[in-house]
Amino acid sequence: MDAKATLRYARITPRKARRVVDLIKGKKAGDALIALRFMPYRGSQYVEKILKSAMANAEQKKAANPEGMVISRAFVDQGPVMKRMEPRAMGRANVIRKRTSHITLVLSGE
């Protein structure tokens, strides 16, 4: 039985979140949790929170031991982009794109 958790509208760019998600894909949930705790990337905090949520969902469903489940699918989709204006010289303006992410983790029993 699968357990799924999704974080939507996370204020991190999808590229930075994918860097973290790709490192834990295919690992056991317990091992991934330890690895995430010691990663130097800011995205690891978001992914750790989602992984804990997915493990709690698995425990709620009484699927299996959440520590021993494997991260079968993990992906990051792009969310909406907030656009902000930055003033420049001679009355011009630059657009600053503040990107968001939708991060999804799926745990499955062995």
PDB file of N, CA and C in Angstrom:
ATOM      1  N   MET A   1       0.842  -1.181   0.000  1.00  0.00           N
ATOM      2  CA  MET A   1       0.000   0.000   0.000  1.00  0.00           C
ATOM      3  C   MET A   1       0.889   1.247   0.000  1.00  0.00           C
ATOM      4  N   ASP A   2       0.490   2.246  -0.728  1.00  0.00           N
ATOM      5  CA  ASP A   2       1.287   3.455  -0.864  1.00  0.00           C
ATOM      6  C   ASP A   2       0.802   4.543   0.086  1.00  0.00           C
ATOM      7  N   ALA A   3       1.738   5.386   0.478  1.00  0.00           N
ATOM      8  CA  ALA A   3       1.418   6.567   1.273  1.00  0.00           C
ATOM      9  C   ALA A   3       2.001   7.771   0.543  1.00  0.00           C
ATOM     10  N   LYS A   4       1.207   8.824   0.444  1.00  0.00           N
ATOM     11  CA  LYS A   4       1.595   9.965  -0.374  1.00  0.00           C
ATOM     12  C   LYS A   4       1.492  11.246   0.447  1.00  0.00           C
ATOM     13  N   ALA A   5       2.388  12.188   0.188  1.00  0.00           N
ATOM     14  CA  ALA A   5       2.326  13.505   0.812  1.00  0.00           C
ATOM     15  C   ALA A   5       2.762  14.543  -0.210  1.00  0.00           C
ATOM     16  N   THR A   6       2.090  15.684  -0.203  1.00  0.00           N
ATOM     17  CA  THR A   6       2.379  16.747  -1.163  1.00  0.00           C
ATOM     18  C   THR A   6       2.486  18.078  -0.436  1.00  0.00           C
ATOM     19  N   LEU A   7       3.482  18.841  -0.805  1.00  0.00           N
ATOM     20  CA  LEU A   7       3.608  20.217  -0.325  1.00  0.00           C
ATOM     21  C   LEU A   7       3.445  21.119  -1.528  1.00  0.00           C
ATOM     22  N   ARG A   8       2.448  21.973  -1.484  1.00  0.00           N
ATOM     23  CA  ARG A   8       2.181  22.851  -2.608  1.00  0.00           C
ATOM     24  C   ARG A   8       2.569  24.277  -2.248  1.00  0.00           C
ATOM     25  N   TYR A   9       2.952  25.018  -3.261  1.00  0.00           N
ATOM     26  CA  TYR A   9       3.321  26.432  -3.141  1.00  0.00           C
ATOM     27  C   TYR A   9       4.503  26.658  -2.205  1.00  0.00           C
ATOM     28  N   ALA A  10       5.463  25.747  -2.212  1.00  0.00           N
ATOM     29  CA  ALA A  10       6.669  25.921  -1.400  1.00  0.00           C
ATOM     30  C   ALA A  10       7.511  27.041  -2.011  1.00  0.00           C
ATOM     31  N   ARG A  11       7.995  27.957  -1.186  1.00  0.00           N
ATOM     32  CA  ARG A  11       8.743  29.098  -1.692  1.00  0.00           C
ATOM     33  C   ARG A  11      10.212  28.742  -1.913  1.00  0.00           C
ATOM     34  N   ILE A  12      10.430  27.824  -2.824  1.00  0.00           N
ATOM     35  CA  ILE A  12      11.776  27.447  -3.242  1.00  0.00           C
ATOM     36  C   ILE A  12      11.690  27.132  -4.727  1.00  0.00           C
ATOM     37  N   THR A  13      12.742  27.428  -5.460  1.00  0.00           N
ATOM     38  CA  THR A  13      12.698  27.174  -6.898  1.00  0.00           C
ATOM     39  C   THR A  13      12.707  25.668  -7.150  1.00  0.00           C
ATOM     40  N   PRO A  14      12.030  25.220  -8.198  1.00  0.00           N
ATOM     41  CA  PRO A  14      11.982  23.787  -8.486  1.00  0.00           C
ATOM     42  C   PRO A  14      13.364  23.186  -8.723  1.00  0.00           C
ATOM     43  N   ARG A  15      14.253  23.953  -9.311  1.00  0.00           N
ATOM     44  CA  ARG A  15      15.600  23.444  -9.593  1.00  0.00           C
ATOM     45  C   ARG A  15      16.349  23.104  -8.301  1.00  0.00           C
ATOM     46  N   LYS A  16      16.218  23.954  -7.293  1.00  0.00           N
ATOM     47  CA  LYS A  16      16.895  23.707  -6.014  1.00  0.00           C
ATOM     48  C   LYS A  16      16.241  22.566  -5.248  1.00  0.00           C
ATOM     49  N   ALA A  17      14.926  22.430  -5.378  1.00  0.00           N
ATOM     50  CA  ALA A  17      14.233  21.337  -4.699  1.00  0.00           C
ATOM     51  C   ALA A  17      14.539  19.996  -5.363  1.00  0.00           C
ATOM     52  N   ARG A  18      14.646  19.992  -6.697  1.00  0.00           N
ATOM     53  CA  ARG A  18      14.951  18.740  -7.409  1.00  0.00           C
ATOM     54  C   ARG A  18      16.319  18.193  -7.035  1.00  0.00           C
ATOM     55  N   ARG A  19      17.262  19.093  -6.749  1.00  0.00           N
ATOM     56  CA  ARG A  19      18.611  18.667  -6.363  1.00  0.00           C
ATOM     57  C   ARG A  19      18.549  17.789  -5.116  1.00  0.00           C
ATOM     58  N   VAL A  20      17.675  18.135  -4.178  1.00  0.00           N
ATOM     59  CA  VAL A  20      17.547  17.371  -2.936  1.00  0.00           C
ATOM     60  C   VAL A  20      16.730  16.100  -3.164  1.00  0.00           C
ATOM     61  N   VAL A  21      15.625  16.213  -3.906  1.00  0.00           N
ATOM     62  CA  VAL A  21      14.725  15.082  -4.122  1.00  0.00           C
ATOM     63  C   VAL A  21      15.429  13.957  -4.871  1.00  0.00           C
ATOM     64  N   ASP A  22      16.288  14.306  -5.827  1.00  0.00           N
ATOM     65  CA  ASP A  22      17.000  13.285  -6.597  1.00  0.00           C
ATOM     66  C   ASP A  22      17.973  12.487  -5.737  1.00  0.00           C
ATOM     67  N   LEU A  23      18.462  13.084  -4.652  1.00  0.00           N
ATOM     68  CA  LEU A  23      19.413  12.388  -3.775  1.00  0.00           C
ATOM     69  C   LEU A  23      18.745  11.312  -2.920  1.00  0.00           C
ATOM     70  N   ILE A  24      17.456  11.492  -2.605  1.00  0.00           N
ATOM     71  CA  ILE A  24      16.810  10.532  -1.703  1.00  0.00           C
ATOM     72  C   ILE A  24      15.899   9.546  -2.427  1.00  0.00           C
ATOM     73  N   LYS A  25      15.719   9.723  -3.723  1.00  0.00           N
ATOM     74  CA  LYS A  25      14.830   8.840  -4.482  1.00  0.00           C
ATOM     75  C   LYS A  25      15.350   7.406  -4.442  1.00  0.00           C
ATOM     76  N   GLY A  26      14.478   6.454  -4.096  1.00  0.00           N
ATOM     77  CA  GLY A  26      14.856   5.047  -4.060  1.00  0.00           C
ATOM     78  C   GLY A  26      15.408   4.575  -2.727  1.00  0.00           C
ATOM     79  N   LYS A  27      15.609   5.475  -1.766  1.00  0.00           N
ATOM     80  CA  LYS A  27      16.141   5.097  -0.454  1.00  0.00           C
ATOM     81  C   LYS A  27      15.001   4.712   0.490  1.00  0.00           C
ATOM     82  N   LYS A  28      15.364   4.041   1.568  1.00  0.00           N
ATOM     83  CA  LYS A  28      14.396   3.755   2.617  1.00  0.00           C
ATOM     84  C   LYS A  28      14.093   5.055   3.351  1.00  0.00           C
ATOM     85  N   ALA A  29      12.885   5.154   3.879  1.00  0.00           N
ATOM     86  CA  ALA A  29      12.442   6.405   4.501  1.00  0.00           C
ATOM     87  C   ALA A  29      13.297   6.780   5.706  1.00  0.00           C
ATOM     88  N   GLY A  30      13.659   5.808   6.518  1.00  0.00           N
ATOM     89  CA  GLY A  30      14.482   6.089   7.693  1.00  0.00           C
ATOM     90  C   GLY A  30      15.868   6.604   7.317  1.00  0.00           C
ATOM     91  N   ASP A  31      16.467   5.973   6.303  1.00  0.00           N
ATOM     92  CA  ASP A  31      17.789   6.406   5.853  1.00  0.00           C
ATOM     93  C   ASP A  31      17.725   7.789   5.209  1.00  0.00           C
ATOM     94  N   ALA A  32      16.668   8.039   4.453  1.00  0.00           N
ATOM     95  CA  ALA A  32      16.510   9.336   3.795  1.00  0.00           C
ATOM     96  C   ALA A  32      16.318  10.444   4.817  1.00  0.00           C
ATOM     97  N   LEU A  33      15.601  10.155   5.890  1.00  0.00           N
ATOM     98  CA  LEU A  33      15.367  11.152   6.938  1.00  0.00           C
ATOM     99  C   LEU A  33      16.681  11.576   7.588  1.00  0.00           C
ATOM    100  N   ILE A  34      17.539  10.609   7.842  1.00  0.00           N
ATOM    101  CA  ILE A  34      18.853  10.919   8.429  1.00  0.00           C
ATOM    102  C   ILE A  34      19.700  11.709   7.442  1.00  0.00           C
ATOM    103  N   ALA A  35      19.671  11.310   6.173  1.00  0.00           N
ATOM    104  CA  ALA A  35      20.458  12.020   5.161  1.00  0.00           C
ATOM    105  C   ALA A  35      19.981  13.463   4.997  1.00  0.00           C
ATOM    106  N   LEU A  36      18.674  13.668   5.029  1.00  0.00           N
ATOM    107  CA  LEU A  36      18.125  15.012   4.868  1.00  0.00           C
ATOM    108  C   LEU A  36      18.507  15.931   6.025  1.00  0.00           C
ATOM    109  N   ARG A  37      18.602  15.352   7.212  1.00  0.00           N
ATOM    110  CA  ARG A  37      18.906  16.159   8.380  1.00  0.00           C
ATOM    111  C   ARG A  37      20.296  16.802   8.284  1.00  0.00           C
ATOM    112  N   PHE A  38      21.219  16.150   7.586  1.00  0.00           N
ATOM    113  CA  PHE A  38      22.587  16.649   7.533  1.00  0.00           C
ATOM    114  C   PHE A  38      22.974  17.240   6.182  1.00  0.00           C
ATOM    115  N   MET A  39      22.012  17.434   5.300  1.00  0.00           N
ATOM    116  CA  MET A  39      22.304  18.062   4.007  1.00  0.00           C
ATOM    117  C   MET A  39      22.449  19.565   4.177  1.00  0.00           C
ATOM    118  N   PRO A  40      23.371  20.174   3.449  1.00  0.00           N
ATOM    119  CA  PRO A  40      23.571  21.617   3.595  1.00  0.00           C
ATOM    120  C   PRO A  40      22.588  22.469   2.786  1.00  0.00           C
ATOM    121  N   TYR A  41      21.688  21.850   2.026  1.00  0.00           N
ATOM    122  CA  TYR A  41      20.796  22.604   1.152  1.00  0.00           C
ATOM    123  C   TYR A  41      19.539  23.052   1.892  1.00  0.00           C
ATOM    124  N   ARG A  42      19.022  24.219   1.498  1.00  0.00           N
ATOM    125  CA  ARG A  42      17.814  24.746   2.113  1.00  0.00           C
ATOM    126  C   ARG A  42      16.595  23.901   1.752  1.00  0.00           C
ATOM    127  N   GLY A  43      16.601  23.296   0.590  1.00  0.00           N
ATOM    128  CA  GLY A  43      15.483  22.460   0.157  1.00  0.00           C
ATOM    129  C   GLY A  43      15.307  21.217   1.002  1.00  0.00           C
ATOM    130  N   SER A  44      16.340  20.812   1.716  1.00  0.00           N
ATOM    131  CA  SER A  44      16.238  19.598   2.522  1.00  0.00           C
ATOM    132  C   SER A  44      15.247  19.778   3.674  1.00  0.00           C
ATOM    133  N   GLN A  45      15.056  21.006   4.151  1.00  0.00           N
ATOM    134  CA  GLN A  45      14.085  21.252   5.219  1.00  0.00           C
ATOM    135  C   GLN A  45      12.663  20.993   4.719  1.00  0.00           C
ATOM    136  N   TYR A  46      12.377  21.451   3.505  1.00  0.00           N
ATOM    137  CA  TYR A  46      11.053  21.223   2.923  1.00  0.00           C
ATOM    138  C   TYR A  46      10.813  19.725   2.694  1.00  0.00           C
ATOM    139  N   VAL A  47      11.795  19.051   2.123  1.00  0.00           N
ATOM    140  CA  VAL A  47      11.632  17.635   1.784  1.00  0.00           C
ATOM    141  C   VAL A  47      11.544  16.786   3.049  1.00  0.00           C
ATOM    142  N   GLU A  48      12.292  17.162   4.083  1.00  0.00           N
ATOM    143  CA  GLU A  48      12.227  16.434   5.354  1.00  0.00           C
ATOM    144  C   GLU A  48      10.818  16.534   5.946  1.00  0.00           C
ATOM    145  N   LYS A  49      10.232  17.711   5.865  1.00  0.00           N
ATOM    146  CA  LYS A  49       8.879  17.916   6.383  1.00  0.00           C
ATOM    147  C   LYS A  49       7.868  17.053   5.625  1.00  0.00           C
ATOM    148  N   ILE A  50       8.013  16.967   4.306  1.00  0.00           N
ATOM    149  CA  ILE A  50       7.095  16.160   3.494  1.00  0.00           C
ATOM    150  C   ILE A  50       7.293  14.677   3.781  1.00  0.00           C
ATOM    151  N   LEU A  51       8.542  14.262   3.943  1.00  0.00           N
ATOM    152  CA  LEU A  51       8.830  12.855   4.221  1.00  0.00           C
ATOM    153  C   LEU A  51       8.224  12.435   5.560  1.00  0.00           C
ATOM    154  N   LYS A  52       8.324  13.297   6.559  1.00  0.00           N
ATOM    155  CA  LYS A  52       7.700  12.990   7.850  1.00  0.00           C
ATOM    156  C   LYS A  52       6.188  12.879   7.715  1.00  0.00           C
ATOM    157  N   SER A  53       5.616  13.740   6.890  1.00  0.00           N
ATOM    158  CA  SER A  53       4.176  13.693   6.658  1.00  0.00           C
ATOM    159  C   SER A  53       3.767  12.404   5.954  1.00  0.00           C
ATOM    160  N   ALA A  54       4.544  11.982   4.960  1.00  0.00           N
ATOM    161  CA  ALA A  54       4.248  10.741   4.244  1.00  0.00           C
ATOM    162  C   ALA A  54       4.373   9.537   5.175  1.00  0.00           C
ATOM    163  N   MET A  55       5.365   9.577   6.065  1.00  0.00           N
ATOM    164  CA  MET A  55       5.528   8.477   7.031  1.00  0.00           C
ATOM    165  C   MET A  55       4.346   8.440   8.004  1.00  0.00           C
ATOM    166  N   ALA A  56       3.860   9.612   8.419  1.00  0.00           N
ATOM    167  CA  ALA A  56       2.697   9.666   9.304  1.00  0.00           C
ATOM    168  C   ALA A  56       1.450   9.158   8.582  1.00  0.00           C
ATOM    169  N   ASN A  57       1.343   9.477   7.279  1.00  0.00           N
ATOM    170  CA  ASN A  57       0.209   8.966   6.499  1.00  0.00           C
ATOM    171  C   ASN A  57       0.253   7.450   6.402  1.00  0.00           C
ATOM    172  N   ALA A  58       1.453   6.893   6.231  1.00  0.00           N
ATOM    173  CA  ALA A  58       1.603   5.435   6.156  1.00  0.00           C
ATOM    174  C   ALA A  58       1.233   4.783   7.480  1.00  0.00           C
ATOM    175  N   GLU A  59       1.629   5.436   8.565  1.00  0.00           N
ATOM    176  CA  GLU A  59       1.306   4.897   9.887  1.00  0.00           C
ATOM    177  C   GLU A  59      -0.205   4.961  10.134  1.00  0.00           C
ATOM    178  N   GLN A  60      -0.833   6.019   9.675  1.00  0.00           N
ATOM    179  CA  GLN A  60      -2.282   6.187   9.830  1.00  0.00           C
ATOM    180  C   GLN A  60      -3.050   5.125   9.042  1.00  0.00           C
ATOM    181  N   LYS A  61      -2.533   4.790   7.836  1.00  0.00           N
ATOM    182  CA  LYS A  61      -3.177   3.768   6.996  1.00  0.00           C
ATOM    183  C   LYS A  61      -2.878   2.357   7.475  1.00  0.00           C
ATOM    184  N   LYS A  62      -1.925   2.234   8.416  1.00  0.00           N
ATOM    185  CA  LYS A  62      -1.449   0.937   8.896  1.00  0.00           C
ATOM    186  C   LYS A  62      -0.930   0.096   7.727  1.00  0.00           C
ATOM    187  N   ALA A  63      -0.196   0.766   6.824  1.00  0.00           N
ATOM    188  CA  ALA A  63       0.316   0.106   5.622  1.00  0.00           C
ATOM    189  C   ALA A  63       1.461  -0.836   5.972  1.00  0.00           C
ATOM    190  N   ALA A  64       2.485  -0.311   6.579  1.00  0.00           N
ATOM    191  CA  ALA A  64       3.662  -1.092   6.939  1.00  0.00           C
ATOM    192  C   ALA A  64       4.465  -0.267   7.932  1.00  0.00           C
ATOM    193  N   ASN A  65       5.647  -0.750   8.252  1.00  0.00           N
ATOM    194  CA  ASN A  65       6.546   0.024   9.104  1.00  0.00           C
ATOM    195  C   ASN A  65       7.029   1.233   8.292  1.00  0.00           C
ATOM    196  N   PRO A  66       6.700   2.455   8.697  1.00  0.00           N
ATOM    197  CA  PRO A  66       7.069   3.629   7.902  1.00  0.00           C
ATOM    198  C   PRO A  66       8.578   3.791   7.715  1.00  0.00           C
ATOM    199  N   GLU A  67       9.362   3.348   8.697  1.00  0.00           N
ATOM    200  CA  GLU A  67      10.828   3.473   8.592  1.00  0.00           C
ATOM    201  C   GLU A  67      11.376   2.601   7.465  1.00  0.00           C
ATOM    202  N   GLY A  68      10.739   1.462   7.223  1.00  0.00           N
ATOM    203  CA  GLY A  68      11.242   0.524   6.225  1.00  0.00           C
ATOM    204  C   GLY A  68      10.683   0.718   4.824  1.00  0.00           C
ATOM    205  N   MET A  69       9.740   1.635   4.672  1.00  0.00           N
ATOM    206  CA  MET A  69       9.154   1.867   3.348  1.00  0.00           C
ATOM    207  C   MET A  69      10.160   2.590   2.449  1.00  0.00           C
ATOM    208  N   VAL A  70       9.996   2.388   1.163  1.00  0.00           N
ATOM    209  CA  VAL A  70      10.925   2.950   0.174  1.00  0.00           C
ATOM    210  C   VAL A  70      10.266   4.137  -0.531  1.00  0.00           C
ATOM    211  N   ILE A  71      11.061   5.159  -0.797  1.00  0.00           N
ATOM    212  CA  ILE A  71      10.560   6.312  -1.553  1.00  0.00           C
ATOM    213  C   ILE A  71      10.521   5.896  -3.020  1.00  0.00           C
ATOM    214  N   SER A  72       9.338   5.491  -3.459  1.00  0.00           N
ATOM    215  CA  SER A  72       9.214   4.952  -4.816  1.00  0.00           C
ATOM    216  C   SER A  72       9.132   6.058  -5.860  1.00  0.00           C
ATOM    217  N   ARG A  73       8.397   7.118  -5.546  1.00  0.00           N
ATOM    218  CA  ARG A  73       8.285   8.239  -6.486  1.00  0.00           C
ATOM    219  C   ARG A  73       8.490   9.532  -5.715  1.00  0.00           C
ATOM    220  N   ALA A  74       9.268  10.407  -6.287  1.00  0.00           N
ATOM    221  CA  ALA A  74       9.489  11.726  -5.702  1.00  0.00           C
ATOM    222  C   ALA A  74       9.736  12.683  -6.853  1.00  0.00           C
ATOM    223  N   PHE A  75       8.924  13.707  -6.926  1.00  0.00           N
ATOM    224  CA  PHE A  75       9.094  14.649  -8.029  1.00  0.00           C
ATOM    225  C   PHE A  75       8.711  16.054  -7.586  1.00  0.00           C
ATOM    226  N   VAL A  76       9.220  17.019  -8.343  1.00  0.00           N
ATOM    227  CA  VAL A  76       8.983  18.433  -8.064  1.00  0.00           C
ATOM    228  C   VAL A  76       8.404  19.071  -9.319  1.00  0.00           C
ATOM    229  N   ASP A  77       7.247  19.676  -9.193  1.00  0.00           N
ATOM    230  CA  ASP A  77       6.629  20.408 -10.290  1.00  0.00           C
ATOM    231  C   ASP A  77       6.711  21.902 -10.000  1.00  0.00           C
ATOM    232  N   GLN A  78       6.664  22.686 -11.053  1.00  0.00           N
ATOM    233  CA  GLN A  78       6.709  24.126 -10.875  1.00  0.00           C
ATOM    234  C   GLN A  78       5.332  24.655 -10.514  1.00  0.00           C
ATOM    235  N   GLY A  79       5.292  25.533  -9.517  1.00  0.00           N
ATOM    236  CA  GLY A  79       4.063  26.184  -9.119  1.00  0.00           C
ATOM    237  C   GLY A  79       3.958  27.549  -9.785  1.00  0.00           C
ATOM    238  N   PRO A  80       3.034  28.355  -9.328  1.00  0.00           N
ATOM    239  CA  PRO A  80       2.899  29.690  -9.911  1.00  0.00           C
ATOM    240  C   PRO A  80       4.117  30.560  -9.597  1.00  0.00           C
ATOM    241  N   VAL A  81       4.375  31.513 -10.476  1.00  0.00           N
ATOM    242  CA  VAL A  81       5.514  32.410 -10.318  1.00  0.00           C
ATOM    243  C   VAL A  81       4.996  33.787  -9.918  1.00  0.00           C
ATOM    244  N   MET A  82       5.513  34.303  -8.803  1.00  0.00           N
ATOM    245  CA  MET A  82       5.161  35.655  -8.383  1.00  0.00           C
ATOM    246  C   MET A  82       6.116  36.618  -9.074  1.00  0.00           C
ATOM    247  N   LYS A  83       5.581  37.628  -9.687  1.00  0.00           N
ATOM    248  CA  LYS A  83       6.420  38.582 -10.411  1.00  0.00           C
ATOM    249  C   LYS A  83       6.482  39.891  -9.641  1.00  0.00           C
ATOM    250  N   ARG A  84       7.698  40.365  -9.429  1.00  0.00           N
ATOM    251  CA  ARG A  84       7.944  41.612  -8.721  1.00  0.00           C
ATOM    252  C   ARG A  84       8.774  42.517  -9.613  1.00  0.00           C
ATOM    253  N   MET A  85       8.597  43.823  -9.460  1.00  0.00           N
ATOM    254  CA  MET A  85       9.334  44.791 -10.275  1.00  0.00           C
ATOM    255  C   MET A  85      10.478  45.387  -9.458  1.00  0.00           C
ATOM    256  N   GLU A  86      11.617  45.529 -10.123  1.00  0.00           N
ATOM    257  CA  GLU A  86      12.785  46.147  -9.505  1.00  0.00           C
ATOM    258  C   GLU A  86      13.147  47.383 -10.327  1.00  0.00           C
ATOM    259  N   PRO A  87      13.185  48.560  -9.712  1.00  0.00           N
ATOM    260  CA  PRO A  87      13.507  49.759 -10.472  1.00  0.00           C
ATOM    261  C   PRO A  87      14.964  49.756 -10.941  1.00  0.00           C
ATOM    262  N   ARG A  88      15.161  50.257 -12.161  1.00  0.00           N
ATOM    263  CA  ARG A  88      16.493  50.352 -12.749  1.00  0.00           C
ATOM    264  C   ARG A  88      16.738  51.785 -13.218  1.00  0.00           C
ATOM    265  N   ALA A  89      17.841  51.998 -13.830  1.00  0.00           N
ATOM    266  CA  ALA A  89      18.226  53.339 -14.254  1.00  0.00           C
ATOM    267  C   ALA A  89      17.322  53.853 -15.377  1.00  0.00           C
ATOM    268  N   MET A  90      17.174  55.157 -15.447  1.00  0.00           N
ATOM    269  CA  MET A  90      16.460  55.866 -16.510  1.00  0.00           C
ATOM    270  C   MET A  90      15.000  55.412 -16.632  1.00  0.00           C
ATOM    271  N   GLY A  91      14.359  55.144 -15.495  1.00  0.00           N
ATOM    272  CA  GLY A  91      12.933  54.829 -15.494  1.00  0.00           C
ATOM    273  C   GLY A  91      12.570  53.428 -15.936  1.00  0.00           C
ATOM    274  N   ARG A  92      13.543  52.597 -16.170  1.00  0.00           N
ATOM    275  CA  ARG A  92      13.255  51.219 -16.591  1.00  0.00           C
ATOM    276  C   ARG A  92      12.971  50.335 -15.377  1.00  0.00           C
ATOM    277  N   ALA A  93      12.591  49.104 -15.647  1.00  0.00           N
ATOM    278  CA  ALA A  93      12.318  48.157 -14.559  1.00  0.00           C
ATOM    279  C   ALA A  93      12.702  46.749 -15.003  1.00  0.00           C
ATOM    280  N   ASN A  94      13.165  45.971 -14.054  1.00  0.00           N
ATOM    281  CA  ASN A  94      13.446  44.548 -14.275  1.00  0.00           C
ATOM    282  C   ASN A  94      12.363  43.732 -13.578  1.00  0.00           C
ATOM    283  N   VAL A  95      12.069  42.573 -14.131  1.00  0.00           N
ATOM    284  CA  VAL A  95      11.112  41.664 -13.501  1.00  0.00           C
ATOM    285  C   VAL A  95      11.892  40.635 -12.695  1.00  0.00           C
ATOM    286  N   ILE A  96      11.525  40.505 -11.427  1.00  0.00           N
ATOM    287  CA  ILE A  96      12.102  39.463 -10.577  1.00  0.00           C
ATOM    288  C   ILE A  96      11.053  38.366 -10.458  1.00  0.00           C
ATOM    289  N   ARG A  97      11.428  37.152 -10.792  1.00  0.00           N
ATOM    290  CA  ARG A  97      10.503  36.020 -10.723  1.00  0.00           C
ATOM    291  C   ARG A  97      10.759  35.228  -9.451  1.00  0.00           C
ATOM    292  N   LYS A  98       9.774  35.197  -8.584  1.00  0.00           N
ATOM    293  CA  LYS A  98       9.877  34.420  -7.347  1.00  0.00           C
ATOM    294  C   LYS A  98       9.118  33.118  -7.590  1.00  0.00           C
ATOM    295  N   ARG A  99       9.866  32.063  -7.811  1.00  0.00           N
ATOM    296  CA  ARG A  99       9.282  30.784  -8.217  1.00  0.00           C
ATOM    297  C   ARG A  99       8.830  29.970  -7.013  1.00  0.00           C
ATOM    298  N   THR A 100       7.804  29.153  -7.239  1.00  0.00           N
ATOM    299  CA  THR A 100       7.309  28.245  -6.209  1.00  0.00           C
ATOM    300  C   THR A 100       7.317  26.818  -6.749  1.00  0.00           C
ATOM    301  N   SER A 101       7.189  25.856  -5.848  1.00  0.00           N
ATOM    302  CA  SER A 101       7.273  24.447  -6.211  1.00  0.00           C
ATOM    303  C   SER A 101       6.128  23.662  -5.584  1.00  0.00           C
ATOM    304  N   HIS A 102       5.754  22.575  -6.253  1.00  0.00           N
ATOM    305  CA  HIS A 102       4.863  21.569  -5.695  1.00  0.00           C
ATOM    306  C   HIS A 102       5.702  20.296  -5.569  1.00  0.00           C
ATOM    307  N   ILE A 103       5.948  19.864  -4.333  1.00  0.00           N
ATOM    308  CA  ILE A 103       6.812  18.703  -4.084  1.00  0.00           C
ATOM    309  C   ILE A 103       5.939  17.532  -3.636  1.00  0.00           C
ATOM    310  N   THR A 104       6.135  16.367  -4.274  1.00  0.00           N
ATOM    311  CA  THR A 104       5.336  15.172  -3.979  1.00  0.00           C
ATOM    312  C   THR A 104       6.253  13.997  -3.670  1.00  0.00           C
ATOM    313  N   LEU A 105       5.954  13.267  -2.613  1.00  0.00           N
ATOM    314  CA  LEU A 105       6.672  12.033  -2.250  1.00  0.00           C
ATOM    315  C   LEU A 105       5.676  10.902  -2.119  1.00  0.00           C
ATOM    316  N   VAL A 106       6.029   9.743  -2.640  1.00  0.00           N
ATOM    317  CA  VAL A 106       5.193   8.543  -2.527  1.00  0.00           C
ATOM    318  C   VAL A 106       6.046   7.432  -1.913  1.00  0.00           C
ATOM    319  N   LEU A 107       5.579   6.904  -0.794  1.00  0.00           N
ATOM    320  CA  LEU A 107       6.249   5.783  -0.129  1.00  0.00           C
ATOM    321  C   LEU A 107       5.503   4.501  -0.455  1.00  0.00           C
ATOM    322  N   SER A 108       6.247   3.442  -0.699  1.00  0.00           N
ATOM    323  CA  SER A 108       5.595   2.151  -0.933  1.00  0.00           C
ATOM    324  C   SER A 108       6.307   1.081  -0.132  1.00  0.00           C
ATOM    325  N   GLY A 109       5.545   0.075   0.288  1.00  0.00           N
ATOM    326  CA  GLY A 109       6.109  -1.031   1.058  1.00  0.00           C
ATOM    327  C   GLY A 109       6.952  -1.914   0.174  1.00  0.00           C
ATOM    328  N   GLU A 110       7.907  -2.605   0.801  1.00  0.00           N
ATOM    329  CA  GLU A 110       8.813  -3.456   0.022  1.00  0.00           C
ATOM    330  C   GLU A 110       8.105  -4.699  -0.463  1.00  0.00           C
TER     331      GLU A 110
END
